[in-house]
Amino acid sequence: MRHRVNTRKFGRTSAHRVSMFRNMVSSLLEHEKLETTHEKAREVGRLAEHMISLGKRGDLHARRQALRVVRGREVQAKLFGELAERFAGRSGGYTRVLRTRRRAGDAAEMSIVSLLEPTAAPAAKREKGEKAPKKKGAAAKKAKTAKAEKTEKPAKKKAGTKKAAAKKGRTKKSSSQED
């Protein structure tokens, strides 16, 4: 039974598997997009999420833990600088895995794993009983004109422009049915 077994082997030795995922995570963090098989993409996304969480923490221990996985000085600097700032307001869910196609050679399901773009800061929450702020200026005028256009009646159609409906008649009887 496979209870509580979380490791996927991917048909490789442990050293090969670790090396492959270290390279893939480093490439994902560097280029912010990676195409691979769907199962590998899910695993790479999981590891990249953990690395970004370490980058956000930013202390010495987190830095050393991330350096065990991420290769390249530029990628490490990007992880603890740019990416940590980008995802500062988000608690998890930094990557997305999108299924794309079947690979021509072996029909393996391919996916793109990518880092999400920074989201705009959420608007301040309103307290109970407060109304939403009203639109001002040009935005309000545009909204009014759009409403007016929707309420106008369309022009009347001319009589006789409809095509005659096709008749549903009986099909010709075959020679065997006529007898």
N, C-alpha and C. Protein backbone atom coordinates (compact mmCIF):
# COMPACT_ATOMS: atom_id res chain seq x y z
N MET A 1 0.84 -1.19 0.00
CA MET A 1 0.00 0.00 0.00
C MET A 1 0.88 1.24 0.00
N ARG A 2 0.37 2.30 -0.65
CA ARG A 2 1.16 3.52 -0.80
C ARG A 2 0.66 4.63 0.11
N HIS A 3 0.25 4.31 1.30
CA HIS A 3 -0.24 5.33 2.20
C HIS A 3 0.87 6.31 2.56
N ARG A 4 0.57 7.59 2.46
CA ARG A 4 1.46 8.68 2.87
C ARG A 4 2.78 8.70 2.11
N VAL A 5 2.82 8.18 0.91
CA VAL A 5 4.02 8.23 0.08
C VAL A 5 3.82 9.37 -0.91
N ASN A 6 4.61 10.42 -0.79
CA ASN A 6 4.40 11.61 -1.60
C ASN A 6 5.39 11.76 -2.74
N THR A 7 6.45 10.99 -2.77
CA THR A 7 7.49 11.16 -3.77
C THR A 7 7.12 10.44 -5.05
N ARG A 8 7.27 11.15 -6.17
CA ARG A 8 7.11 10.52 -7.48
C ARG A 8 8.50 10.29 -8.04
N LYS A 9 8.72 9.14 -8.64
CA LYS A 9 10.08 8.77 -9.05
C LYS A 9 10.42 9.17 -10.47
N PHE A 10 9.44 9.30 -11.35
CA PHE A 10 9.66 9.72 -12.73
C PHE A 10 10.64 8.82 -13.48
N GLY A 11 10.79 7.57 -13.07
CA GLY A 11 11.65 6.63 -13.78
C GLY A 11 13.11 7.00 -13.77
N ARG A 12 13.58 7.65 -12.73
CA ARG A 12 14.97 8.10 -12.66
C ARG A 12 15.55 7.74 -11.31
N THR A 13 16.87 7.75 -11.25
CA THR A 13 17.51 7.56 -9.95
C THR A 13 17.28 8.82 -9.12
N SER A 14 17.48 8.73 -7.83
CA SER A 14 17.20 9.89 -6.98
C SER A 14 18.12 11.06 -7.33
N ALA A 15 19.39 10.79 -7.64
CA ALA A 15 20.32 11.87 -7.97
C ALA A 15 19.90 12.56 -9.27
N HIS A 16 19.49 11.76 -10.26
CA HIS A 16 19.06 12.32 -11.54
C HIS A 16 17.79 13.14 -11.35
N ARG A 17 16.86 12.62 -10.56
CA ARG A 17 15.59 13.31 -10.31
C ARG A 17 15.82 14.65 -9.61
N VAL A 18 16.65 14.66 -8.58
CA VAL A 18 16.94 15.89 -7.84
C VAL A 18 17.61 16.90 -8.75
N SER A 19 18.58 16.45 -9.54
CA SER A 19 19.30 17.33 -10.45
C SER A 19 18.36 17.92 -11.50
N MET A 20 17.49 17.08 -12.05
CA MET A 20 16.55 17.53 -13.07
C MET A 20 15.63 18.62 -12.52
N PHE A 21 15.10 18.41 -11.33
CA PHE A 21 14.18 19.40 -10.77
C PHE A 21 14.89 20.66 -10.32
N ARG A 22 16.14 20.55 -9.88
CA ARG A 22 16.90 21.75 -9.54
C ARG A 22 17.09 22.61 -10.79
N ASN A 23 17.45 21.95 -11.89
CA ASN A 23 17.63 22.69 -13.15
C ASN A 23 16.32 23.31 -13.63
N MET A 24 15.22 22.55 -13.53
CA MET A 24 13.94 23.04 -14.02
C MET A 24 13.43 24.21 -13.18
N VAL A 25 13.59 24.13 -11.86
CA VAL A 25 13.15 25.23 -10.99
C VAL A 25 13.98 26.47 -11.26
N SER A 26 15.28 26.29 -11.44
CA SER A 26 16.15 27.44 -11.74
C SER A 26 15.75 28.09 -13.06
N SER A 27 15.45 27.26 -14.07
CA SER A 27 15.03 27.80 -15.37
C SER A 27 13.69 28.52 -15.25
N LEU A 28 12.77 27.96 -14.48
CA LEU A 28 11.47 28.60 -14.30
C LEU A 28 11.62 29.96 -13.63
N LEU A 29 12.44 30.03 -12.59
CA LEU A 29 12.63 31.30 -11.89
C LEU A 29 13.35 32.32 -12.77
N GLU A 30 14.24 31.84 -13.64
CA GLU A 30 14.98 32.75 -14.52
C GLU A 30 14.10 33.28 -15.65
N HIS A 31 13.40 32.38 -16.35
CA HIS A 31 12.64 32.76 -17.53
C HIS A 31 11.16 32.99 -17.25
N GLU A 32 10.69 32.59 -16.08
CA GLU A 32 9.31 32.75 -15.62
C GLU A 32 8.31 31.93 -16.42
N LYS A 33 8.76 31.01 -17.25
CA LYS A 33 7.88 30.15 -18.03
C LYS A 33 8.67 28.92 -18.43
N LEU A 34 8.00 27.76 -18.46
CA LEU A 34 8.69 26.52 -18.78
C LEU A 34 7.68 25.54 -19.36
N GLU A 35 8.02 24.87 -20.45
CA GLU A 35 7.14 23.84 -21.01
C GLU A 35 7.75 22.48 -20.77
N THR A 36 6.95 21.58 -20.22
CA THR A 36 7.40 20.23 -19.91
C THR A 36 6.17 19.33 -19.84
N THR A 37 6.37 18.07 -19.50
CA THR A 37 5.22 17.18 -19.36
C THR A 37 4.38 17.62 -18.16
N HIS A 38 3.13 17.24 -18.16
CA HIS A 38 2.21 17.74 -17.14
C HIS A 38 2.63 17.33 -15.73
N GLU A 39 3.01 16.10 -15.54
CA GLU A 39 3.38 15.65 -14.19
C GLU A 39 4.64 16.36 -13.69
N LYS A 40 5.61 16.54 -14.57
CA LYS A 40 6.82 17.27 -14.16
C LYS A 40 6.47 18.73 -13.87
N ALA A 41 5.57 19.29 -14.65
CA ALA A 41 5.18 20.69 -14.44
C ALA A 41 4.54 20.86 -13.07
N ARG A 42 3.72 19.92 -12.67
CA ARG A 42 3.09 20.00 -11.35
C ARG A 42 4.13 19.95 -10.25
N GLU A 43 5.10 19.08 -10.40
CA GLU A 43 6.15 18.95 -9.38
C GLU A 43 7.05 20.20 -9.36
N VAL A 44 7.39 20.71 -10.53
CA VAL A 44 8.23 21.92 -10.61
C VAL A 44 7.49 23.10 -10.00
N GLY A 45 6.20 23.21 -10.27
CA GLY A 45 5.41 24.29 -9.69
C GLY A 45 5.40 24.22 -8.17
N ARG A 46 5.30 23.02 -7.65
CA ARG A 46 5.31 22.83 -6.19
C ARG A 46 6.62 23.30 -5.59
N LEU A 47 7.74 22.90 -6.21
CA LEU A 47 9.05 23.30 -5.71
C LEU A 47 9.27 24.80 -5.86
N ALA A 48 8.83 25.37 -6.97
CA ALA A 48 9.00 26.81 -7.19
C ALA A 48 8.21 27.62 -6.17
N GLU A 49 7.02 27.14 -5.82
CA GLU A 49 6.22 27.82 -4.79
C GLU A 49 7.00 27.86 -3.48
N HIS A 50 7.63 26.75 -3.14
CA HIS A 50 8.41 26.69 -1.90
C HIS A 50 9.60 27.64 -1.95
N MET A 51 10.26 27.70 -3.11
CA MET A 51 11.42 28.59 -3.24
C MET A 51 11.00 30.06 -3.12
N ILE A 52 9.87 30.42 -3.69
CA ILE A 52 9.41 31.80 -3.60
C ILE A 52 9.03 32.14 -2.16
N SER A 53 8.45 31.18 -1.45
CA SER A 53 8.15 31.41 -0.03
C SER A 53 9.42 31.64 0.76
N LEU A 54 10.47 30.88 0.44
CA LEU A 54 11.76 31.10 1.10
C LEU A 54 12.32 32.48 0.73
N GLY A 55 12.16 32.86 -0.53
CA GLY A 55 12.64 34.18 -0.97
C GLY A 55 11.92 35.30 -0.25
N LYS A 56 10.63 35.12 0.01
CA LYS A 56 9.88 36.14 0.73
C LYS A 56 10.33 36.24 2.18
N ARG A 57 10.68 35.09 2.77
CA ARG A 57 11.14 35.10 4.16
C ARG A 57 12.44 35.88 4.28
N GLY A 58 13.38 35.56 3.38
CA GLY A 58 14.58 36.38 3.22
C GLY A 58 15.65 36.29 4.28
N ASP A 59 15.46 35.54 5.36
CA ASP A 59 16.51 35.47 6.38
C ASP A 59 17.63 34.53 5.93
N LEU A 60 18.67 34.45 6.71
CA LEU A 60 19.86 33.68 6.32
C LEU A 60 19.54 32.20 6.15
N HIS A 61 18.75 31.65 7.06
CA HIS A 61 18.42 30.22 6.96
C HIS A 61 17.61 29.94 5.69
N ALA A 62 16.65 30.80 5.39
CA ALA A 62 15.85 30.63 4.17
C ALA A 62 16.74 30.74 2.94
N ARG A 63 17.68 31.67 2.96
CA ARG A 63 18.60 31.85 1.84
C ARG A 63 19.44 30.59 1.63
N ARG A 64 19.92 30.01 2.70
CA ARG A 64 20.73 28.79 2.58
C ARG A 64 19.90 27.61 2.10
N GLN A 65 18.66 27.52 2.56
CA GLN A 65 17.79 26.44 2.09
C GLN A 65 17.51 26.58 0.59
N ALA A 66 17.28 27.79 0.13
CA ALA A 66 17.00 28.02 -1.28
C ALA A 66 18.24 27.77 -2.14
N LEU A 67 19.42 28.08 -1.61
CA LEU A 67 20.65 27.88 -2.38
C LEU A 67 20.94 26.41 -2.61
N ARG A 68 20.33 25.53 -1.83
CA ARG A 68 20.49 24.09 -2.06
C ARG A 68 19.79 23.66 -3.34
N VAL A 69 18.79 24.42 -3.77
CA VAL A 69 18.00 24.04 -4.94
C VAL A 69 18.29 24.93 -6.14
N VAL A 70 18.26 26.24 -5.93
CA VAL A 70 18.37 27.20 -7.03
C VAL A 70 19.82 27.35 -7.45
N ARG A 71 20.05 27.28 -8.77
CA ARG A 71 21.41 27.40 -9.31
C ARG A 71 21.56 28.74 -10.01
N GLY A 72 22.75 29.31 -9.92
CA GLY A 72 23.06 30.55 -10.62
C GLY A 72 22.87 31.76 -9.72
N ARG A 73 23.90 32.59 -9.66
CA ARG A 73 23.86 33.79 -8.81
C ARG A 73 22.76 34.76 -9.23
N GLU A 74 22.57 34.91 -10.55
CA GLU A 74 21.56 35.85 -11.03
C GLU A 74 20.16 35.40 -10.62
N VAL A 75 19.92 34.10 -10.72
CA VAL A 75 18.61 33.56 -10.35
C VAL A 75 18.38 33.71 -8.85
N GLN A 76 19.42 33.48 -8.06
CA GLN A 76 19.29 33.64 -6.61
C GLN A 76 18.99 35.09 -6.25
N ALA A 77 19.67 36.01 -6.92
CA ALA A 77 19.43 37.43 -6.65
C ALA A 77 18.00 37.81 -7.06
N LYS A 78 17.53 37.28 -8.17
CA LYS A 78 16.18 37.56 -8.63
C LYS A 78 15.15 37.01 -7.65
N LEU A 79 15.41 35.80 -7.13
CA LEU A 79 14.49 35.17 -6.20
C LEU A 79 14.32 35.99 -4.93
N PHE A 80 15.43 36.46 -4.36
CA PHE A 80 15.37 37.18 -3.09
C PHE A 80 15.11 38.67 -3.28
N GLY A 81 15.15 39.15 -4.50
CA GLY A 81 14.89 40.56 -4.77
C GLY A 81 13.56 40.78 -5.46
N GLU A 82 13.59 40.64 -6.78
CA GLU A 82 12.43 40.95 -7.62
C GLU A 82 11.21 40.08 -7.30
N LEU A 83 11.40 38.75 -7.24
CA LEU A 83 10.26 37.86 -7.03
C LEU A 83 9.70 37.99 -5.62
N ALA A 84 10.57 38.18 -4.63
CA ALA A 84 10.09 38.35 -3.25
C ALA A 84 9.22 39.61 -3.14
N GLU A 85 9.62 40.68 -3.83
CA GLU A 85 8.83 41.91 -3.81
C GLU A 85 7.52 41.74 -4.56
N ARG A 86 7.58 41.05 -5.71
CA ARG A 86 6.40 40.89 -6.55
C ARG A 86 5.29 40.14 -5.81
N PHE A 87 5.68 39.10 -5.06
CA PHE A 87 4.68 38.26 -4.41
C PHE A 87 4.52 38.56 -2.92
N ALA A 88 4.97 39.74 -2.49
CA ALA A 88 4.90 40.09 -1.07
C ALA A 88 3.47 40.10 -0.55
N GLY A 89 2.53 40.54 -1.35
CA GLY A 89 1.14 40.63 -0.91
C GLY A 89 0.34 39.36 -1.11
N ARG A 90 0.95 38.31 -1.59
CA ARG A 90 0.24 37.07 -1.92
C ARG A 90 0.77 35.96 -1.03
N SER A 91 -0.13 35.17 -0.46
CA SER A 91 0.32 34.08 0.40
C SER A 91 0.06 32.75 -0.31
N GLY A 92 0.95 32.38 -1.19
CA GLY A 92 0.84 31.12 -1.92
C GLY A 92 0.17 31.33 -3.27
N GLY A 93 0.23 30.28 -4.10
CA GLY A 93 -0.37 30.35 -5.43
C GLY A 93 0.41 31.24 -6.37
N TYR A 94 1.73 31.07 -6.41
CA TYR A 94 2.59 31.93 -7.23
C TYR A 94 2.73 31.39 -8.65
N THR A 95 2.41 30.12 -8.87
CA THR A 95 2.59 29.51 -10.18
C THR A 95 1.26 29.03 -10.74
N ARG A 96 1.26 28.78 -12.05
CA ARG A 96 0.08 28.24 -12.71
C ARG A 96 0.55 27.18 -13.68
N VAL A 97 -0.21 26.09 -13.80
CA VAL A 97 0.10 25.01 -14.73
C VAL A 97 -1.05 24.91 -15.72
N LEU A 98 -0.75 25.14 -16.99
CA LEU A 98 -1.76 25.09 -18.04
C LEU A 98 -1.45 23.95 -19.01
N ARG A 99 -2.41 23.08 -19.22
CA ARG A 99 -2.22 21.99 -20.18
C ARG A 99 -2.26 22.59 -21.59
N THR A 100 -1.32 22.13 -22.44
CA THR A 100 -1.26 22.74 -23.77
C THR A 100 -1.58 21.77 -24.90
N ARG A 101 -0.87 20.67 -25.00
CA ARG A 101 -1.01 19.82 -26.18
C ARG A 101 -0.51 18.42 -25.85
N ARG A 102 -0.58 17.56 -26.83
CA ARG A 102 0.04 16.23 -26.74
C ARG A 102 1.31 16.27 -27.58
N ARG A 103 2.40 15.78 -27.04
CA ARG A 103 3.68 15.78 -27.76
C ARG A 103 3.59 14.81 -28.93
N ALA A 104 4.15 15.20 -30.06
CA ALA A 104 4.03 14.42 -31.29
C ALA A 104 4.69 13.05 -31.17
N GLY A 105 5.85 12.96 -30.56
CA GLY A 105 6.60 11.71 -30.55
C GLY A 105 5.98 10.60 -29.74
N ASP A 106 5.46 10.94 -28.54
CA ASP A 106 4.97 9.89 -27.66
C ASP A 106 3.59 10.18 -27.07
N ALA A 107 2.94 11.24 -27.54
CA ALA A 107 1.61 11.64 -27.09
C ALA A 107 1.57 11.95 -25.59
N ALA A 108 2.71 12.39 -25.05
CA ALA A 108 2.74 12.79 -23.64
C ALA A 108 2.01 14.12 -23.50
N GLU A 109 1.27 14.26 -22.41
CA GLU A 109 0.53 15.50 -22.18
C GLU A 109 1.49 16.59 -21.74
N MET A 110 1.55 17.68 -22.51
CA MET A 110 2.47 18.77 -22.22
C MET A 110 1.74 19.89 -21.50
N SER A 111 2.50 20.63 -20.69
CA SER A 111 1.93 21.75 -19.94
C SER A 111 2.95 22.87 -19.87
N ILE A 112 2.46 24.07 -19.66
CA ILE A 112 3.31 25.22 -19.41
C ILE A 112 3.13 25.60 -17.95
N VAL A 113 4.24 25.67 -17.24
CA VAL A 113 4.20 26.17 -15.86
C VAL A 113 4.80 27.57 -15.90
N SER A 114 4.09 28.53 -15.32
CA SER A 114 4.56 29.91 -15.37
C SER A 114 4.29 30.60 -14.05
N LEU A 115 5.07 31.65 -13.81
CA LEU A 115 4.86 32.47 -12.62
C LEU A 115 3.74 33.46 -12.92
N LEU A 116 2.92 33.73 -11.94
CA LEU A 116 1.83 34.67 -12.12
C LEU A 116 2.36 36.09 -12.15
N GLU A 117 1.60 36.96 -12.78
CA GLU A 117 1.94 38.38 -12.82
C GLU A 117 1.50 39.01 -11.50
N PRO A 118 2.12 40.12 -11.12
CA PRO A 118 1.69 40.76 -9.88
C PRO A 118 0.27 41.28 -10.02
N THR A 119 -0.50 41.13 -8.96
CA THR A 119 -1.88 41.60 -8.99
C THR A 119 -1.95 42.99 -8.38
N ALA A 120 -2.95 43.73 -8.79
CA ALA A 120 -3.16 45.07 -8.23
C ALA A 120 -3.59 44.92 -6.78
N ALA A 121 -3.22 45.88 -5.97
CA ALA A 121 -3.59 45.83 -4.56
C ALA A 121 -5.11 45.87 -4.45
N PRO A 122 -5.70 45.01 -3.62
CA PRO A 122 -7.16 45.01 -3.49
C PRO A 122 -7.65 46.32 -2.89
N ALA A 123 -8.81 46.77 -3.35
CA ALA A 123 -9.38 48.02 -2.84
C ALA A 123 -9.73 47.86 -1.37
N ALA A 124 -9.70 48.97 -0.66
CA ALA A 124 -10.01 48.93 0.77
C ALA A 124 -11.43 48.40 0.95
N LYS A 125 -11.61 47.52 1.91
CA LYS A 125 -12.93 46.94 2.15
C LYS A 125 -13.83 47.99 2.78
N ARG A 126 -15.08 47.99 2.33
CA ARG A 126 -16.06 48.92 2.88
C ARG A 126 -16.69 48.30 4.11
N GLU A 127 -17.03 49.15 5.05
CA GLU A 127 -17.71 48.66 6.24
C GLU A 127 -19.18 48.47 5.91
N LYS A 128 -19.86 47.70 6.74
CA LYS A 128 -21.26 47.40 6.52
C LYS A 128 -22.06 48.70 6.54
N GLY A 129 -22.91 48.88 5.55
CA GLY A 129 -23.74 50.07 5.48
C GLY A 129 -23.18 51.16 4.58
N GLU A 130 -21.89 51.10 4.24
CA GLU A 130 -21.30 52.11 3.36
C GLU A 130 -21.67 51.81 1.92
N LYS A 131 -21.84 52.86 1.15
CA LYS A 131 -22.14 52.68 -0.26
C LYS A 131 -20.86 52.76 -1.08
N ALA A 132 -20.90 52.18 -2.25
CA ALA A 132 -19.75 52.23 -3.15
C ALA A 132 -19.55 53.66 -3.61
N PRO A 133 -18.29 54.07 -3.84
CA PRO A 133 -18.06 55.44 -4.31
C PRO A 133 -18.65 55.62 -5.70
N LYS A 134 -19.22 56.82 -5.93
CA LYS A 134 -19.86 57.10 -7.21
C LYS A 134 -18.81 57.45 -8.26
N LYS A 135 -19.16 57.14 -9.51
CA LYS A 135 -18.27 57.47 -10.62
C LYS A 135 -18.30 58.97 -10.84
N LYS A 136 -17.16 59.54 -11.17
CA LYS A 136 -17.08 60.98 -11.39
C LYS A 136 -16.62 61.27 -12.82
N GLY A 137 -17.04 62.41 -13.34
CA GLY A 137 -16.51 62.93 -14.60
C GLY A 137 -16.88 62.11 -15.82
N ALA A 138 -15.87 61.87 -16.66
CA ALA A 138 -16.06 61.23 -17.95
C ALA A 138 -16.56 59.79 -17.80
N ALA A 139 -16.13 59.11 -16.77
CA ALA A 139 -16.55 57.73 -16.57
C ALA A 139 -18.06 57.65 -16.34
N ALA A 140 -18.61 58.60 -15.59
CA ALA A 140 -20.04 58.61 -15.32
C ALA A 140 -20.82 58.92 -16.60
N LYS A 141 -20.30 59.85 -17.42
CA LYS A 141 -20.98 60.19 -18.67
C LYS A 141 -21.00 58.99 -19.62
N LYS A 142 -19.89 58.27 -19.68
CA LYS A 142 -19.82 57.10 -20.55
C LYS A 142 -20.84 56.06 -20.11
N ALA A 143 -20.97 55.87 -18.81
CA ALA A 143 -21.92 54.89 -18.29
C ALA A 143 -23.35 55.29 -18.65
N LYS A 144 -23.67 56.60 -18.56
CA LYS A 144 -25.02 57.06 -18.89
C LYS A 144 -25.31 56.88 -20.37
N THR A 145 -24.35 57.20 -21.24
CA THR A 145 -24.58 57.05 -22.67
C THR A 145 -24.72 55.58 -23.05
N ALA A 146 -23.97 54.72 -22.38
CA ALA A 146 -24.08 53.29 -22.66
C ALA A 146 -25.46 52.79 -22.28
N LYS A 147 -26.02 53.28 -21.16
CA LYS A 147 -27.36 52.88 -20.74
C LYS A 147 -28.40 53.36 -21.74
N ALA A 148 -28.24 54.60 -22.21
CA ALA A 148 -29.18 55.18 -23.15
C ALA A 148 -29.19 54.39 -24.46
N GLU A 149 -28.03 53.96 -24.91
CA GLU A 149 -27.94 53.19 -26.15
C GLU A 149 -28.64 51.85 -26.01
N LYS A 150 -28.53 51.25 -24.84
CA LYS A 150 -29.17 49.95 -24.62
C LYS A 150 -30.69 50.06 -24.63
N THR A 151 -31.22 51.17 -24.11
CA THR A 151 -32.67 51.31 -24.00
C THR A 151 -33.34 51.71 -25.30
N GLU A 152 -32.61 52.26 -26.27
CA GLU A 152 -33.20 52.64 -27.56
C GLU A 152 -33.72 51.41 -28.27
N LYS A 153 -34.89 51.60 -28.93
CA LYS A 153 -35.48 50.47 -29.65
C LYS A 153 -34.80 50.33 -31.00
N PRO A 154 -34.61 49.11 -31.45
CA PRO A 154 -34.02 48.93 -32.77
C PRO A 154 -35.01 49.34 -33.86
N ALA A 155 -34.50 49.70 -35.02
CA ALA A 155 -35.34 50.11 -36.15
C ALA A 155 -36.24 48.96 -36.57
N LYS A 156 -37.47 49.32 -37.04
CA LYS A 156 -38.41 48.28 -37.45
C LYS A 156 -37.93 47.61 -38.72
N LYS A 157 -38.18 46.32 -38.78
CA LYS A 157 -37.79 45.56 -39.97
C LYS A 157 -38.86 45.72 -41.04
N LYS A 158 -38.43 45.68 -42.28
CA LYS A 158 -39.37 45.77 -43.39
C LYS A 158 -40.11 44.45 -43.52
N ALA A 159 -41.36 44.54 -43.90
CA ALA A 159 -42.15 43.33 -44.08
C ALA A 159 -41.68 42.60 -45.33
N GLY A 160 -41.70 41.31 -45.28
CA GLY A 160 -41.35 40.52 -46.44
C GLY A 160 -39.86 40.24 -46.58
N THR A 161 -39.06 40.55 -45.58
CA THR A 161 -37.64 40.29 -45.68
C THR A 161 -37.29 38.88 -45.22
N LYS A 162 -38.27 38.20 -44.62
CA LYS A 162 -37.99 36.85 -44.16
C LYS A 162 -37.98 35.89 -45.33
N LYS A 163 -37.15 34.90 -45.22
CA LYS A 163 -37.11 33.86 -46.24
C LYS A 163 -38.18 32.83 -45.91
N ALA A 164 -38.69 32.21 -46.94
CA ALA A 164 -39.69 31.17 -46.73
C ALA A 164 -39.03 29.96 -46.09
N ALA A 165 -39.72 29.37 -45.14
CA ALA A 165 -39.17 28.21 -44.45
C ALA A 165 -39.18 27.02 -45.39
N ALA A 166 -38.20 26.17 -45.23
CA ALA A 166 -38.13 24.97 -46.06
C ALA A 166 -39.26 24.04 -45.67
N LYS A 167 -39.89 23.43 -46.68
CA LYS A 167 -41.01 22.54 -46.41
C LYS A 167 -40.49 21.18 -45.99
N LYS A 168 -41.17 20.63 -45.01
CA LYS A 168 -40.81 19.29 -44.55
C LYS A 168 -41.75 18.30 -45.22
N GLY A 169 -41.43 17.94 -46.42
CA GLY A 169 -42.29 17.03 -47.16
C GLY A 169 -41.79 15.60 -47.01
N ARG A 170 -42.60 14.69 -47.53
CA ARG A 170 -42.17 13.30 -47.51
C ARG A 170 -41.08 13.10 -48.54
N THR A 171 -40.18 12.20 -48.23
CA THR A 171 -39.14 11.87 -49.20
C THR A 171 -39.75 10.97 -50.25
N LYS A 172 -39.11 10.91 -51.38
CA LYS A 172 -39.60 10.06 -52.46
C LYS A 172 -39.58 8.61 -52.02
N LYS A 173 -40.63 7.92 -52.39
CA LYS A 173 -40.68 6.51 -52.03
C LYS A 173 -39.78 5.72 -52.95
N SER A 174 -39.12 4.77 -52.37
CA SER A 174 -38.28 3.92 -53.20
C SER A 174 -39.17 2.96 -53.97
N SER A 175 -38.63 2.34 -54.97
CA SER A 175 -39.42 1.45 -55.82
C SER A 175 -39.96 0.27 -55.04
N SER A 176 -39.29 -0.15 -53.98
CA SER A 176 -39.76 -1.29 -53.21
C SER A 176 -40.96 -0.91 -52.34
N GLN A 177 -41.09 0.37 -51.95
CA GLN A 177 -42.20 0.79 -51.10
C GLN A 177 -43.46 1.08 -51.92
N GLU A 178 -43.32 1.38 -53.22
CA GLU A 178 -44.47 1.72 -54.05
C GLU A 178 -45.37 0.52 -54.28
N ASP A 179 -44.87 -0.69 -54.23
CA ASP A 179 -45.66 -1.89 -54.52
C ASP A 179 -46.67 -2.17 -53.50
